[in-house]
C-alpha cells in the first residue's frame, strides 16, 4: 500500500531560502523531510556531535540565580 504523505507547509521566507540551495541539496532535503513526515528517520540525518555548555541565555540565568 502506498502511504499518502502530507505536503510540506512552508513559510514564504524559508521557502525562498530553501530554493536558493543547489538542486542536489534540495533533493536530499526533500527526501529527508518526506521520510520525517512519514514518522521515520532518514539515513543521512545524524544528531549533532556537540553540546552547548554555555550560552548567553544560560550564563545570564545563572548570574541571577535562576
C-alpha atoms as a PDB file:
ATOM      1  CA  UNK A   1       0.000   0.000   0.000  1.00  0.00           C
ATOM      2  CA  UNK A   2       1.271   3.481  -0.843  1.00  0.00           C
ATOM      3  CA  UNK A   3       1.083   5.960   2.007  1.00  0.00           C
ATOM      4  CA  UNK A   4      -0.073   9.475   1.292  1.00  0.00           C
ATOM      5  CA  UNK A   5       2.452  11.853   2.805  1.00  0.00           C
ATOM      6  CA  UNK A   6       1.440  15.295   4.000  1.00  0.00           C
ATOM      7  CA  UNK A   7       2.804  18.121   1.867  1.00  0.00           C
ATOM      8  CA  UNK A   8       5.379  20.442   3.411  1.00  0.00           C
ATOM      9  CA  UNK A   9       3.925  23.707   4.717  1.00  0.00           C
ATOM     10  CA  UNK A  10       6.379  26.496   4.053  1.00  0.00           C
ATOM     11  CA  UNK A  11       6.801  29.955   5.482  1.00  0.00           C
ATOM     12  CA  UNK A  12       7.423  32.189   2.468  1.00  0.00           C
ATOM     13  CA  UNK A  13      10.895  33.366   3.537  1.00  0.00           C
ATOM     14  CA  UNK A  14      12.008  29.821   4.420  1.00  0.00           C
ATOM     15  CA  UNK A  15      10.864  28.511   1.045  1.00  0.00           C
ATOM     16  CA  UNK A  16      12.702  31.308  -0.747  1.00  0.00           C
ATOM     17  CA  UNK A  17      15.892  30.492   1.166  1.00  0.00           C
ATOM     18  CA  UNK A  18      15.445  26.764   0.520  1.00  0.00           C
ATOM     19  CA  UNK A  19      15.032  27.365  -3.211  1.00  0.00           C
ATOM     20  CA  UNK A  20      18.354  29.235  -3.255  1.00  0.00           C
ATOM     21  CA  UNK A  21      20.174  25.992  -2.353  1.00  0.00           C
ATOM     22  CA  UNK A  22      21.700  23.930  -5.180  1.00  0.00           C
ATOM     23  CA  UNK A  23      19.266  21.386  -6.655  1.00  0.00           C
ATOM     24  CA  UNK A  24      21.098  18.288  -5.272  1.00  0.00           C
ATOM     25  CA  UNK A  25      20.829  19.747  -1.755  1.00  0.00           C
ATOM     26  CA  UNK A  26      17.117  20.499  -2.250  1.00  0.00           C
ATOM     27  CA  UNK A  27      16.540  16.934  -3.459  1.00  0.00           C
ATOM     28  CA  UNK A  28      18.239  15.365  -0.429  1.00  0.00           C
ATOM     29  CA  UNK A  29      16.460  17.724   1.973  1.00  0.00           C
ATOM     30  CA  UNK A  30      13.092  16.912   0.380  1.00  0.00           C
ATOM     31  CA  UNK A  31      13.793  13.201   0.772  1.00  0.00           C
ATOM     32  CA  UNK A  32      14.691  13.658   4.443  1.00  0.00           C
ATOM     33  CA  UNK A  33      11.587  15.796   5.081  1.00  0.00           C
ATOM     34  CA  UNK A  34       9.364  13.226   3.384  1.00  0.00           C
ATOM     35  CA  UNK A  35      10.807  10.405   5.486  1.00  0.00           C
ATOM     36  CA  UNK A  36      10.302  12.508   8.640  1.00  0.00           C
ATOM     37  CA  UNK A  37       6.697  13.276   7.644  1.00  0.00           C
ATOM     38  CA  UNK A  38       6.135   9.514   7.462  1.00  0.00           C
ATOM     39  CA  UNK A  39       7.404   9.163  11.035  1.00  0.00           C
ATOM     40  CA  UNK A  40      10.788   7.660  10.196  1.00  0.00           C
ATOM     41  CA  UNK A  41      14.386   8.909  10.382  1.00  0.00           C
ATOM     42  CA  UNK A  42      16.291   9.465   7.155  1.00  0.00           C
ATOM     43  CA  UNK A  43      19.542   7.545   6.731  1.00  0.00           C
ATOM     44  CA  UNK A  44      21.552  10.700   6.092  1.00  0.00           C
ATOM     45  CA  UNK A  45      20.422  12.549   9.232  1.00  0.00           C
ATOM     46  CA  UNK A  46      22.733  12.477  12.223  1.00  0.00           C
ATOM     47  CA  UNK A  47      22.455  14.018  15.682  1.00  0.00           C
ATOM     48  CA  UNK A  48      24.783  16.929  16.394  1.00  0.00           C
ATOM     49  CA  UNK A  49      28.147  15.972  17.892  1.00  0.00           C
ATOM     50  CA  UNK A  50      28.273  18.851  20.294  1.00  0.00           C
ATOM     51  CA  UNK A  51      26.531  20.114  23.368  1.00  0.00           C
ATOM     52  CA  UNK A  52      26.125  23.706  24.411  1.00  0.00           C
ATOM     53  CA  UNK A  53      27.741  24.101  27.768  1.00  0.00           C
ATOM     54  CA  UNK A  54      27.298  27.846  27.986  1.00  0.00           C
ATOM     55  CA  UNK A  55      25.242  30.331  26.102  1.00  0.00           C
ATOM     56  CA  UNK A  56      24.480  33.966  26.808  1.00  0.00           C
ATOM     57  CA  UNK A  57      21.000  32.987  27.994  1.00  0.00           C
ATOM     58  CA  UNK A  58      22.095  30.268  30.436  1.00  0.00           C
ATOM     59  CA  UNK A  59      25.001  32.384  31.683  1.00  0.00           C
ATOM     60  CA  UNK A  60      22.594  35.263  32.407  1.00  0.00           C
ATOM     61  CA  UNK A  61      20.168  32.952  34.220  1.00  0.00           C
ATOM     62  CA  UNK A  62      22.990  31.535  36.359  1.00  0.00           C
ATOM     63  CA  UNK A  63      24.178  35.028  37.280  1.00  0.00           C
ATOM     64  CA  UNK A  64      20.714  35.981  38.620  1.00  0.00           C
ATOM     65  CA  UNK A  65      20.262  32.699  40.487  1.00  0.00           C
ATOM     66  CA  UNK A  66      17.687  31.049  38.227  1.00  0.00           C
END
